[in-house]
Amino acid sequence: MRILPPGLAGFEVLDAADSVAVLAYERAFYRAFEPIRPAGLLRRLWEWDDTAGRIAAPVPYADQVVYLLRDATGEVRRGLAVNLALRTVQAARFGFSVPAAPGVAEMLTFFAAGPHDLRGALRFRRACYADLRARGFHTGYGTARRRPLPAYGRFGTEVVEERWINGEARFLLRFDLAADFSRGQGGGA
């Protein structure tokens, strides 16, 4: 299934039954995080395959929607994976719980592979959130380390809980999927 919002060429939903598309997504996910040489907690959060250069979330693809943005050559440049079913909760790997309530989802990853473009990232996020709202979701939960918290805060994301694990702080965040802080306002798309 493809979703093509106006003005966002290359936006689509991953077809999890297409092994070639899944491989391209998992390799882009890996390329986005491999340069920071993550150790410790990020290694516990996701399923890493360094030999194949792939990362996958610990949630089955059948329970996820994965949004992609491809460039003109077809390469995956951005990804946002969302756990819609909450049967397996990734945040539990850090000891957090996510409320299993109607309209609640878990944000599994957001990444950009290649050049960083804030406006493009905001357009991508808006398109993803619009689709999530159309599916009946209003709130997302996800985890983060301390460093990106100020950026998330500018877009209305709230810190719900903090945990220290092996000397590293991790935060459970709540995302308002109805807010559109990228346009300088809260609420609505």
Protein backbone atom coordinates (compact mmCIF):
# COMPACT_ATOMS: atom_id res chain seq x y z
CA MET A 1 0.00 0.00 0.00
CA ARG A 2 1.38 3.41 -0.94
CA ILE A 3 0.37 6.72 0.55
CA LEU A 4 1.32 9.71 -1.55
CA PRO A 5 0.58 12.95 0.29
CA PRO A 6 0.70 16.08 -1.83
CA GLY A 7 4.21 17.50 -2.15
CA LEU A 8 6.03 14.57 -0.57
CA ALA A 9 7.32 12.43 -3.39
CA GLY A 10 8.89 9.17 -2.31
CA PHE A 11 6.69 8.73 0.79
CA GLU A 12 5.32 5.22 1.26
CA VAL A 13 4.36 2.55 3.74
CA LEU A 14 6.69 -0.46 3.84
CA ASP A 15 5.24 -3.64 2.37
CA ALA A 16 6.47 -6.09 5.02
CA ALA A 17 5.70 -9.02 2.68
CA ASP A 18 8.31 -7.71 0.21
CA SER A 19 11.65 -9.07 1.43
CA VAL A 20 13.61 -6.74 -0.88
CA ALA A 21 11.81 -3.68 0.54
CA VAL A 22 12.35 -4.91 4.12
CA LEU A 23 16.06 -5.43 3.42
CA ALA A 24 16.38 -1.89 1.99
CA TYR A 25 14.64 -0.45 5.07
CA GLU A 26 16.72 -2.43 7.58
CA ARG A 27 19.96 -1.48 5.82
CA ALA A 28 19.01 2.22 5.80
CA PHE A 29 18.13 1.91 9.51
CA TYR A 30 21.59 0.43 10.11
CA ARG A 31 23.38 3.12 8.05
CA ALA A 32 21.65 5.84 10.07
CA PHE A 33 22.91 4.49 13.42
CA GLU A 34 26.16 2.70 12.58
CA PRO A 35 28.29 5.89 12.35
CA ILE A 36 27.70 6.69 16.02
CA ARG A 37 29.12 3.26 16.92
CA PRO A 38 26.41 2.56 19.45
CA ALA A 39 27.18 0.34 22.37
CA GLY A 40 25.28 -0.56 25.48
CA LEU A 41 21.62 0.32 25.55
CA LEU A 42 20.99 0.85 21.83
CA ARG A 43 22.41 -2.62 21.27
CA ARG A 44 19.80 -3.95 23.72
CA LEU A 45 16.93 -2.02 22.18
CA TRP A 46 17.04 -3.31 18.60
CA GLU A 47 18.02 -6.50 16.79
CA TRP A 48 21.45 -5.79 15.25
CA ASP A 49 23.02 -7.83 12.44
CA ASP A 50 26.42 -6.25 11.88
CA THR A 51 27.47 -8.89 9.35
CA ALA A 52 24.53 -8.09 7.07
CA GLY A 53 24.44 -4.38 8.02
CA ARG A 54 20.81 -4.49 9.21
CA ILE A 55 18.74 -3.43 12.22
CA ALA A 56 15.18 -4.48 13.06
CA ALA A 57 12.89 -3.54 15.92
CA PRO A 58 11.95 -6.37 18.31
CA VAL A 59 8.28 -6.03 17.30
CA PRO A 60 6.94 -8.26 14.49
CA TYR A 61 6.34 -6.41 11.22
CA ALA A 62 2.72 -7.63 11.30
CA ASP A 63 2.20 -5.35 14.32
CA GLN A 64 3.96 -2.32 12.79
CA VAL A 65 3.46 0.34 10.20
CA VAL A 66 6.77 1.55 8.78
CA TYR A 67 6.83 4.84 6.90
CA LEU A 68 9.60 5.43 4.40
CA LEU A 69 10.86 8.32 2.36
CA ARG A 70 12.87 7.38 -0.69
CA ASP A 71 15.01 9.70 -2.76
CA ALA A 72 14.86 10.00 -6.56
CA THR A 73 17.12 6.94 -6.94
CA GLY A 74 14.86 4.79 -4.74
CA GLU A 75 17.17 4.75 -1.70
CA VAL A 76 15.49 4.86 1.71
CA ARG A 77 16.45 8.19 3.34
CA ARG A 78 14.03 8.40 6.27
CA GLY A 79 12.09 5.90 8.32
CA LEU A 80 9.56 5.95 11.11
CA ALA A 81 8.42 2.61 12.54
CA VAL A 82 5.36 2.50 14.78
CA ASN A 83 4.04 -0.37 16.89
CA LEU A 84 0.27 -0.36 16.42
CA ALA A 85 -0.68 -3.55 18.31
CA LEU A 86 1.35 -3.19 21.54
CA ARG A 87 1.47 -6.99 21.99
CA THR A 88 5.26 -6.69 22.25
CA VAL A 89 6.49 -3.36 23.66
CA GLN A 90 10.01 -2.28 22.73
CA ALA A 91 10.17 0.22 25.63
CA ALA A 92 9.85 -2.71 28.05
CA ARG A 93 13.48 -3.52 27.23
CA PHE A 94 14.30 -0.44 29.30
CA GLY A 95 11.71 -1.23 31.98
CA PHE A 96 9.04 1.17 30.71
CA SER A 97 5.41 0.34 30.12
CA VAL A 98 3.15 1.88 27.49
CA PRO A 99 -0.59 2.20 28.19
CA ALA A 100 -2.49 -0.35 26.11
CA ALA A 101 -5.43 1.90 25.29
CA PRO A 102 -7.34 2.70 22.11
CA GLY A 103 -5.52 5.33 20.05
CA VAL A 104 -2.11 4.65 21.63
CA ALA A 105 0.92 3.47 19.62
CA GLU A 106 4.63 3.04 20.28
CA MET A 107 7.25 4.89 18.24
CA LEU A 108 9.97 2.32 17.52
CA THR A 109 12.46 4.36 15.53
CA PHE A 110 12.83 7.56 13.58
CA PHE A 111 15.91 7.96 11.44
CA ALA A 112 17.41 9.91 8.60
CA ALA A 113 20.10 8.32 6.44
CA GLY A 114 22.07 10.81 4.40
CA PRO A 115 21.94 14.61 4.49
CA HIS A 116 19.99 16.09 7.40
CA ASP A 117 17.24 18.46 6.29
CA LEU A 118 15.01 19.79 9.08
CA ARG A 119 12.23 20.98 6.79
CA GLY A 120 12.17 17.64 5.00
CA ALA A 121 12.13 15.79 8.33
CA LEU A 122 9.17 17.90 9.49
CA ARG A 123 7.23 17.26 6.27
CA PHE A 124 7.92 13.53 6.66
CA ARG A 125 6.78 13.57 10.28
CA ARG A 126 3.60 15.49 9.36
CA ALA A 127 2.74 12.92 6.68
CA CYS A 128 3.34 10.03 9.11
CA TYR A 129 1.27 11.62 11.88
CA ALA A 130 -1.58 12.36 9.44
CA ASP A 131 -1.71 8.69 8.46
CA LEU A 132 -1.58 7.58 12.11
CA ARG A 133 -4.49 9.91 12.93
CA ALA A 134 -6.43 8.49 9.97
CA ARG A 135 -5.87 5.04 11.50
CA GLY A 136 -7.36 6.27 14.80
CA PHE A 137 -4.18 7.00 16.79
CA HIS A 138 -3.75 10.16 18.86
CA THR A 139 -0.79 9.40 21.15
CA GLY A 140 2.59 7.76 20.68
CA TYR A 141 5.15 6.67 23.26
CA GLY A 142 8.84 6.08 22.64
CA THR A 143 12.22 6.10 24.33
CA ALA A 144 15.18 8.42 23.92
CA ARG A 145 18.48 9.29 25.50
CA ARG A 146 19.08 12.77 26.98
CA ARG A 147 20.75 14.42 23.97
CA PRO A 148 17.69 14.79 21.66
CA LEU A 149 15.26 15.86 24.42
CA PRO A 150 15.46 19.63 23.69
CA ALA A 151 14.64 19.01 20.02
CA TYR A 152 11.72 16.75 20.90
CA GLY A 153 10.50 19.31 23.44
CA ARG A 154 10.26 22.03 20.77
CA PHE A 155 7.61 19.88 19.11
CA GLY A 156 5.50 19.32 22.21
CA THR A 157 6.87 15.94 23.21
CA GLU A 158 6.65 15.31 26.96
CA VAL A 159 9.00 13.34 29.18
CA VAL A 160 6.84 10.86 31.09
CA GLU A 161 9.47 8.88 32.98
CA GLU A 162 13.25 8.61 33.44
CA ARG A 163 15.28 5.49 34.21
CA TRP A 164 18.97 4.94 34.79
CA ILE A 165 20.27 1.73 33.27
CA ASN A 166 23.94 0.78 33.51
CA GLY A 167 24.83 4.42 34.18
CA GLU A 168 22.86 5.76 31.18
CA ALA A 169 19.68 7.83 31.39
CA ARG A 170 16.75 6.79 29.24
CA PHE A 171 13.45 8.60 28.96
CA LEU A 172 9.93 7.52 28.08
CA LEU A 173 8.35 10.19 25.89
CA ARG A 174 4.75 10.94 24.95
CA PHE A 175 4.09 12.29 21.44
CA ASP A 176 0.88 14.17 20.65
CA LEU A 177 0.05 12.93 17.16
CA ALA A 178 -2.55 15.67 16.70
CA ALA A 179 -0.14 18.54 17.39
CA ASP A 180 1.59 20.30 14.53
CA PHE A 181 4.38 22.22 16.21
CA SER A 182 6.31 22.28 12.93
CA ARG A 183 4.03 25.13 11.87
CA GLY A 184 4.36 27.00 15.12
CA GLN A 185 1.04 25.85 16.54
CA GLY A 186 -0.29 23.01 18.64
CA GLY A 187 -3.20 20.95 17.44
CA GLY A 188 -4.41 19.83 14.07
CA ALA A 189 -2.59 19.15 10.86
